[in-house]
PDB file of N, CA and C in Angstrom:
ATOM      1  N   MET A   1      94.383  90.746 134.868  1.00  0.00           N
ATOM      2  CA  MET A   1      95.404  90.396 134.075  1.00  0.00           C
ATOM      3  C   MET A   1      96.463  89.376 135.138  1.00  0.00           C
ATOM      4  N   ASN A   2      97.007  88.844 134.345  1.00  0.00           N
ATOM      5  CA  ASN A   2      98.040  87.630 135.002  1.00  0.00           C
ATOM      6  C   ASN A   2      99.047  88.461 135.543  1.00  0.00           C
ATOM      7  N   PRO A   3      99.165  88.527 136.907  1.00  0.00           N
ATOM      8  CA  PRO A   3     100.299  89.268 137.320  1.00  0.00           C
ATOM      9  C   PRO A   3     101.556  88.705 137.290  1.00  0.00           C
ATOM     10  N   HIS A   4     101.755  87.317 136.726  1.00  0.00           N
ATOM     11  CA  HIS A   4     102.948  86.806 136.546  1.00  0.00           C
ATOM     12  C   HIS A   4     103.311  86.667 135.060  1.00  0.00           C
ATOM     13  N   GLY A   5     102.372  87.125 134.089  1.00  0.00           N
ATOM     14  CA  GLY A   5     102.776  87.281 132.703  1.00  0.00           C
ATOM     15  C   GLY A   5     102.525  85.921 132.136  1.00  0.00           C
ATOM     16  N   PRO A   6     102.588  86.067 130.845  1.00  0.00           N
ATOM     17  CA  PRO A   6     102.348  85.150 129.697  1.00  0.00           C
ATOM     18  C   PRO A   6     103.585  83.918 129.888  1.00  0.00           C
ATOM     19  N   GLU A   7     104.552  84.195 130.642  1.00  0.00           N
ATOM     20  CA  GLU A   7     105.546  83.142 130.464  1.00  0.00           C
ATOM     21  C   GLU A   7     104.958  82.163 131.431  1.00  0.00           C
ATOM     22  N   ARG A   8     104.511  82.377 132.454  1.00  0.00           N
ATOM     23  CA  ARG A   8     104.036  81.620 133.540  1.00  0.00           C
ATOM     24  C   ARG A   8     102.956  80.501 132.971  1.00  0.00           C
ATOM     25  N   ARG A   9     102.258  80.883 131.820  1.00  0.00           N
ATOM     26  CA  ARG A   9     101.384  80.056 131.093  1.00  0.00           C
ATOM     27  C   ARG A   9     101.948  79.404 129.915  1.00  0.00           C
ATOM     28  N   SER A  10     103.238  79.201 129.949  1.00  0.00           N
ATOM     29  CA  SER A  10     103.765  78.654 128.466  1.00  0.00           C
ATOM     30  C   SER A  10     103.499  77.555 127.825  1.00  0.00           C
ATOM     31  N   GLN A  11     102.586  76.680 128.888  1.00  0.00           N
ATOM     32  CA  GLN A  11     102.088  75.557 128.342  1.00  0.00           C
ATOM     33  C   GLN A  11     100.946  75.666 127.398  1.00  0.00           C
ATOM     34  N   GLU A  12     100.170  76.845 127.534  1.00  0.00           N
ATOM     35  CA  GLU A  12      99.191  77.292 126.643  1.00  0.00           C
ATOM     36  C   GLU A  12      99.686  77.645 125.335  1.00  0.00           C
ATOM     37  N   ALA A  13      98.981  77.097 124.248  1.00  0.00           N
ATOM     38  CA  ALA A  13      99.454  77.321 122.925  1.00  0.00           C
ATOM     39  C   ALA A  13      99.292  78.836 122.672  1.00  0.00           C
ATOM     40  N   LEU A  14      98.309  79.569 122.925  1.00  0.00           N
ATOM     41  CA  LEU A  14      97.942  80.852 122.384  1.00  0.00           C
ATOM     42  C   LEU A  14      97.897  81.877 123.892  1.00  0.00           C
ATOM     43  N   TRP A  15      98.186  83.117 123.371  1.00  0.00           N
ATOM     44  CA  TRP A  15      98.225  84.344 124.275  1.00  0.00           C
ATOM     45  C   TRP A  15      97.120  85.165 124.045  1.00  0.00           C
ATOM     46  N   ASP A  16      96.444  85.838 124.852  1.00  0.00           N
ATOM     47  CA  ASP A  16      95.369  86.787 124.467  1.00  0.00           C
ATOM     48  C   ASP A  16      95.952  88.116 124.621  1.00  0.00           C
ATOM     49  N   VAL A  17      95.309  89.233 124.325  1.00  0.00           N
ATOM     50  CA  VAL A  17      95.822  90.459 124.003  1.00  0.00           C
ATOM     51  C   VAL A  17      96.598  91.105 125.320  1.00  0.00           C
ATOM     52  N   ARG A  18      95.993  90.780 126.604  1.00  0.00           N
ATOM     53  CA  ARG A  18      96.445  91.299 127.637  1.00  0.00           C
ATOM     54  C   ARG A  18      98.053  90.433 127.847  1.00  0.00           C
ATOM     55  N   ASP A  19      98.076  89.278 127.686  1.00  0.00           N
ATOM     56  CA  ASP A  19      99.382  88.535 127.755  1.00  0.00           C
ATOM     57  C   ASP A  19     100.509  89.157 126.674  1.00  0.00           C
ATOM     58  N   VAL A  20      99.826  89.575 125.434  1.00  0.00           N
ATOM     59  CA  VAL A  20     100.961  90.090 124.536  1.00  0.00           C
ATOM     60  C   VAL A  20     101.425  91.303 125.099  1.00  0.00           C
ATOM     61  N   ALA A  21     100.343  92.417 125.577  1.00  0.00           N
ATOM     62  CA  ALA A  21     100.790  93.692 126.063  1.00  0.00           C
ATOM     63  C   ALA A  21     101.671  93.608 127.293  1.00  0.00           C
ATOM     64  N   TRP A  22     101.354  92.655 128.100  1.00  0.00           N
ATOM     65  CA  TRP A  22     102.216  92.703 129.151  1.00  0.00           C
ATOM     66  C   TRP A  22     103.668  92.087 128.573  1.00  0.00           C
ATOM     67  N   PHE A  23     104.008  91.235 127.794  1.00  0.00           N
ATOM     68  CA  PHE A  23     104.988  90.727 127.246  1.00  0.00           C
ATOM     69  C   PHE A  23     105.791  91.844 126.737  1.00  0.00           C
ATOM     70  N   LEU A  24     105.188  92.657 125.819  1.00  0.00           N
ATOM     71  CA  LEU A  24     105.956  93.747 124.987  1.00  0.00           C
ATOM     72  C   LEU A  24     105.962  95.245 125.747  1.00  0.00           C
ATOM     73  N   LYS A  25     105.331  94.930 126.916  1.00  0.00           N
ATOM     74  CA  LYS A  25     105.149  96.137 127.933  1.00  0.00           C
ATOM     75  C   LYS A  25     104.615  97.245 126.901  1.00  0.00           C
ATOM     76  N   ALA A  26     103.540  97.102 126.659  1.00  0.00           N
ATOM     77  CA  ALA A  26     102.661  97.981 125.764  1.00  0.00           C
ATOM     78  C   ALA A  26     101.548  98.070 126.248  1.00  0.00           C
ATOM     79  N   SER A  27     100.570  99.096 125.844  1.00  0.00           N
ATOM     80  CA  SER A  27      99.071  98.957 126.256  1.00  0.00           C
ATOM     81  C   SER A  27      98.303  98.185 125.559  1.00  0.00           C
ATOM     82  N   VAL A  28      97.248  97.736 125.856  1.00  0.00           N
ATOM     83  CA  VAL A  28      96.305  96.745 125.241  1.00  0.00           C
ATOM     84  C   VAL A  28      95.927  97.250 124.090  1.00  0.00           C
ATOM     85  N   SER A  29      95.612  98.854 123.985  1.00  0.00           N
ATOM     86  CA  SER A  29      95.204  99.405 122.846  1.00  0.00           C
ATOM     87  C   SER A  29      96.288  99.461 121.703  1.00  0.00           C
ATOM     88  N   TRP A  30      97.463  99.562 122.317  1.00  0.00           N
ATOM     89  CA  TRP A  30      98.717  99.454 121.034  1.00  0.00           C
ATOM     90  C   TRP A  30      98.592  98.032 120.445  1.00  0.00           C
ATOM     91  N   VAL A  31      98.506  96.939 121.303  1.00  0.00           N
ATOM     92  CA  VAL A  31      98.323  95.875 120.562  1.00  0.00           C
ATOM     93  C   VAL A  31      97.438  95.730 119.701  1.00  0.00           C
ATOM     94  N   TYR A  32      96.025  96.140 120.071  1.00  0.00           N
ATOM     95  CA  TYR A  32      94.867  96.106 118.916  1.00  0.00           C
ATOM     96  C   TYR A  32      95.235  97.008 117.907  1.00  0.00           C
ATOM     97  N   LYS A  33      95.826  98.083 118.007  1.00  0.00           N
ATOM     98  CA  LYS A  33      96.245  98.943 116.781  1.00  0.00           C
ATOM     99  C   LYS A  33      97.250  98.504 115.979  1.00  0.00           C
ATOM    100  N   ALA A  34      98.225  97.557 116.576  1.00  0.00           N
ATOM    101  CA  ALA A  34      99.350  96.880 115.650  1.00  0.00           C
ATOM    102  C   ALA A  34      98.846  95.721 115.004  1.00  0.00           C
ATOM    103  N   VAL A  35      97.687  94.995 115.474  1.00  0.00           N
ATOM    104  CA  VAL A  35      97.053  94.032 114.551  1.00  0.00           C
ATOM    105  C   VAL A  35      96.349  94.707 113.614  1.00  0.00           C
ATOM    106  N   GLU A  36      95.665  95.787 113.783  1.00  0.00           N
ATOM    107  CA  GLU A  36      94.822  96.453 112.696  1.00  0.00           C
ATOM    108  C   GLU A  36      95.669  96.770 111.551  1.00  0.00           C
ATOM    109  N   ARG A  37      96.951  97.314 111.966  1.00  0.00           N
ATOM    110  CA  ARG A  37      98.159  97.945 110.792  1.00  0.00           C
ATOM    111  C   ARG A  37      98.599  96.373 110.140  1.00  0.00           C
ATOM    112  N   GLY A  38      98.514  95.430 110.596  1.00  0.00           N
ATOM    113  CA  GLY A  38      99.131  94.315 110.098  1.00  0.00           C
ATOM    114  C   GLY A  38     100.641  93.798 110.639  1.00  0.00           C
ATOM    115  N   ASP A  39     100.889  94.508 111.847  1.00  0.00           N
ATOM    116  CA  ASP A  39     102.120  94.413 112.095  1.00  0.00           C
ATOM    117  C   ASP A  39     102.288  93.244 113.020  1.00  0.00           C
ATOM    118  N   LEU A  40     101.202  92.890 113.752  1.00  0.00           N
ATOM    119  CA  LEU A  40     101.655  91.799 114.694  1.00  0.00           C
ATOM    120  C   LEU A  40     100.655  90.907 114.218  1.00  0.00           C
ATOM    121  N   PRO A  41     101.006  89.419 113.998  1.00  0.00           N
ATOM    122  CA  PRO A  41     100.351  88.417 113.505  1.00  0.00           C
ATOM    123  C   PRO A  41      99.419  87.808 114.601  1.00  0.00           C
ATOM    124  N   CYS A  42      98.186  87.584 114.392  1.00  0.00           N
ATOM    125  CA  CYS A  42      97.280  86.996 115.341  1.00  0.00           C
ATOM    126  C   CYS A  42      96.424  85.818 114.846  1.00  0.00           C
ATOM    127  N   VAL A  43      95.687  85.263 115.483  1.00  0.00           N
ATOM    128  CA  VAL A  43      94.679  84.134 114.950  1.00  0.00           C
ATOM    129  C   VAL A  43      93.467  84.898 115.625  1.00  0.00           C
ATOM    130  N   ARG A  44      92.224  85.035 114.520  1.00  0.00           N
ATOM    131  CA  ARG A  44      90.911  85.524 115.072  1.00  0.00           C
ATOM    132  C   ARG A  44      90.234  84.331 115.419  1.00  0.00           C
ATOM    133  N   ILE A  45      89.567  84.148 116.554  1.00  0.00           N
ATOM    134  CA  ILE A  45      88.656  83.053 116.770  1.00  0.00           C
ATOM    135  C   ILE A  45      87.209  83.811 117.330  1.00  0.00           C
ATOM    136  N   GLY A  46      86.594  83.821 116.338  1.00  0.00           N
ATOM    137  CA  GLY A  46      85.109  84.674 116.289  1.00  0.00           C
ATOM    138  C   GLY A  46      85.519  86.230 116.731  1.00  0.00           C
ATOM    139  N   GLY A  47      85.220  86.665 117.749  1.00  0.00           N
ATOM    140  CA  GLY A  47      85.509  88.115 117.915  1.00  0.00           C
ATOM    141  C   GLY A  47      86.680  88.246 118.948  1.00  0.00           C
ATOM    142  N   LEU A  48      87.508  87.094 119.171  1.00  0.00           N
ATOM    143  CA  LEU A  48      88.633  87.047 120.068  1.00  0.00           C
ATOM    144  C   LEU A  48      89.857  87.163 119.253  1.00  0.00           C
ATOM    145  N   LEU A  49      90.813  87.867 119.448  1.00  0.00           N
ATOM    146  CA  LEU A  49      92.220  87.652 119.098  1.00  0.00           C
ATOM    147  C   LEU A  49      93.106  86.947 119.908  1.00  0.00           C
ATOM    148  N   ARG A  50      93.757  86.096 119.623  1.00  0.00           N
ATOM    149  CA  ARG A  50      94.704  85.081 119.982  1.00  0.00           C
ATOM    150  C   ARG A  50      96.167  85.141 119.412  1.00  0.00           C
ATOM    151  N   PHE A  51      97.129  84.741 120.327  1.00  0.00           N
ATOM    152  CA  PHE A  51      98.501  85.146 119.626  1.00  0.00           C
ATOM    153  C   PHE A  51      99.365  83.709 120.038  1.00  0.00           C
ATOM    154  N   ASP A  52     100.155  83.550 118.805  1.00  0.00           N
ATOM    155  CA  ASP A  52     101.032  82.377 119.110  1.00  0.00           C
ATOM    156  C   ASP A  52     102.464  83.026 119.908  1.00  0.00           C
ATOM    157  N   ALA A  53     102.710  82.390 120.936  1.00  0.00           N
ATOM    158  CA  ALA A  53     103.558  83.171 121.861  1.00  0.00           C
ATOM    159  C   ALA A  53     104.959  83.241 120.996  1.00  0.00           C
ATOM    160  N   GLY A  54     105.155  82.193 120.092  1.00  0.00           N
ATOM    161  CA  GLY A  54     106.509  82.086 119.485  1.00  0.00           C
ATOM    162  C   GLY A  54     106.681  83.331 118.325  1.00  0.00           C
ATOM    163  N   ALA A  55     105.474  83.480 117.830  1.00  0.00           N
ATOM    164  CA  ALA A  55     105.362  84.598 116.845  1.00  0.00           C
ATOM    165  C   ALA A  55     105.404  85.952 117.530  1.00  0.00           C
ATOM    166  N   VAL A  56     104.823  86.195 118.758  1.00  0.00           N
ATOM    167  CA  VAL A  56     105.090  87.459 119.605  1.00  0.00           C
ATOM    168  C   VAL A  56     106.604  87.658 119.828  1.00  0.00           C
ATOM    169  N   ARG A  57     106.984  86.607 120.212  1.00  0.00           N
ATOM    170  CA  ARG A  57     108.636  86.483 120.718  1.00  0.00           C
ATOM    171  C   ARG A  57     109.381  86.886 119.362  1.00  0.00           C
ATOM    172  N   ALA A  58     109.196  86.421 118.362  1.00  0.00           N
ATOM    173  CA  ALA A  58     109.834  86.859 116.979  1.00  0.00           C
ATOM    174  C   ALA A  58     109.535  88.339 116.671  1.00  0.00           C
ATOM    175  N   PHE A  59     108.289  88.796 117.113  1.00  0.00           N
ATOM    176  CA  PHE A  59     107.871  90.074 116.660  1.00  0.00           C
ATOM    177  C   PHE A  59     108.896  91.108 117.501  1.00  0.00           C
ATOM    178  N   ALA A  60     108.929  90.811 118.786  1.00  0.00           N
ATOM    179  CA  ALA A  60     109.508  91.619 119.770  1.00  0.00           C
ATOM    180  C   ALA A  60     111.064  91.486 119.316  1.00  0.00           C
ATOM    181  N   VAL A  61     111.671  90.822 118.895  1.00  0.00           N
ATOM    182  CA  VAL A  61     113.145  90.624 118.369  1.00  0.00           C
ATOM    183  C   VAL A  61     113.303  91.348 117.185  1.00  0.00           C
ATOM    184  N   GLY A  62     112.178  91.533 116.117  1.00  0.00           N
ATOM    185  CA  GLY A  62     112.288  92.160 115.096  1.00  0.00           C
ATOM    186  C   GLY A  62     112.987  91.407 113.941  1.00  0.00           C
ATOM    187  N   PRO A  63     113.160  92.028 112.804  1.00  0.00           N
ATOM    188  CA  PRO A  63     113.951  91.377 111.642  1.00  0.00           C
ATOM    189  C   PRO A  63     115.161  91.328 112.027  1.00  0.00           C
ATOM    190  N   SER A  64     115.950  90.093 111.557  1.00  0.00           N
ATOM    191  CA  SER A  64     117.183  90.211 111.799  1.00  0.00           C
ATOM    192  C   SER A  64     117.985  90.778 110.646  1.00  0.00           C
ATOM    193  N   ASP A  65     118.966  91.689 111.215  1.00  0.00           N
ATOM    194  CA  ASP A  65     119.739  92.267 110.055  1.00  0.00           C
ATOM    195  C   ASP A  65     121.233  92.340 110.471  1.00  0.00           C
ATOM    196  N   ALA A  66     122.003  92.518 109.616  1.00  0.00           N
ATOM    197  CA  ALA A  66     123.595  92.367 109.816  1.00  0.00           C
ATOM    198  C   ALA A  66     123.885  93.584 110.864  1.00  0.00           C
ATOM    199  N   GLY A  67     123.286  94.714 110.529  1.00  0.00           N
ATOM    200  CA  GLY A  67     123.749  95.913 111.507  1.00  0.00           C
ATOM    201  C   GLY A  67     123.354  96.123 112.947  1.00  0.00           C
ATOM    202  N   GLY A  68     122.449  94.939 113.171  1.00  0.00           N
ATOM    203  CA  GLY A  68     122.059  94.981 114.635  1.00  0.00           C
ATOM    204  C   GLY A  68     121.078  96.192 115.074  1.00  0.00           C
ATOM    205  N   SER A  69     120.674  96.697 114.220  1.00  0.00           N
ATOM    206  CA  SER A  69     119.700  97.920 114.640  1.00  0.00           C
ATOM    207  C   SER A  69     118.511  97.498 115.257  1.00  0.00           C
ATOM    208  N   MET A  70     118.206  98.249 116.443  1.00  0.00           N
ATOM    209  CA  MET A  70     116.951  97.756 116.838  1.00  0.00           C
ATOM    210  C   MET A  70     115.764  98.855 116.526  1.00  0.00           C
ATOM    211  N   ASP A  71     116.052  99.781 115.784  1.00  0.00           N
ATOM    212  CA  ASP A  71     115.130 100.765 115.136  1.00  0.00           C
ATOM    213  C   ASP A  71     114.253 100.138 114.189  1.00  0.00           C
ATOM    214  N   ARG A  72     112.797 100.184 114.813  1.00  0.00           N
ATOM    215  CA  ARG A  72     111.984  99.497 113.818  1.00  0.00           C
ATOM    216  C   ARG A  72     110.951 100.419 113.292  1.00  0.00           C
ATOM    217  N   THR A  73     110.951 101.819 113.540  1.00  0.00           N
ATOM    218  CA  THR A  73     110.214 102.692 112.960  1.00  0.00           C
ATOM    219  C   THR A  73     111.163 103.984 112.401  1.00  0.00           C
ATOM    220  N   SER A  74     110.433 104.645 111.460  1.00  0.00           N
ATOM    221  CA  SER A  74     111.086 105.732 111.208  1.00  0.00           C
ATOM    222  C   SER A  74     110.993 106.880 112.193  1.00  0.00           C
ATOM    223  N   THR A  75     112.037 107.878 112.278  1.00  0.00           N
ATOM    224  CA  THR A  75     111.976 108.876 113.373  1.00  0.00           C
ATOM    225  C   THR A  75     111.975 110.249 112.535  1.00  0.00           C
ATOM    226  N   ARG A  76     111.707 110.100 111.322  1.00  0.00           N
ATOM    227  CA  ARG A  76     111.609 111.236 110.451  1.00  0.00           C
ATOM    228  C   ARG A  76     110.452 112.323 110.963  1.00  0.00           C
ATOM    229  N   ARG A  77     110.836 113.386 111.036  1.00  0.00           N
ATOM    230  CA  ARG A  77     109.879 114.635 111.656  1.00  0.00           C
ATOM    231  C   ARG A  77     110.038 115.345 110.779  1.00  0.00           C
ATOM    232  N   GLY A  78     108.694 116.086 110.371  1.00  0.00           N
ATOM    233  CA  GLY A  78     108.603 117.249 109.497  1.00  0.00           C
ATOM    234  C   GLY A  78     108.016 118.392 110.045  1.00  0.00           C
TER     235      GLY A  78
END
């Protein structure tokens, strides 16, 4: 893994799964699951997943809303 994170590689157009995990402070397996759910946009190149840095940053910020809420998931418990 790149110890300086994906920001150091900002000249590169696409990030790999490890770069995204580092940027989002998430596990690599979480990134794969987010892709499977369709939550995190990616580009498939053969068997590889690549991510547009701008799209990952937009995902991290979340949808803009007037309330300014950062809650992106339901906390409903049954």
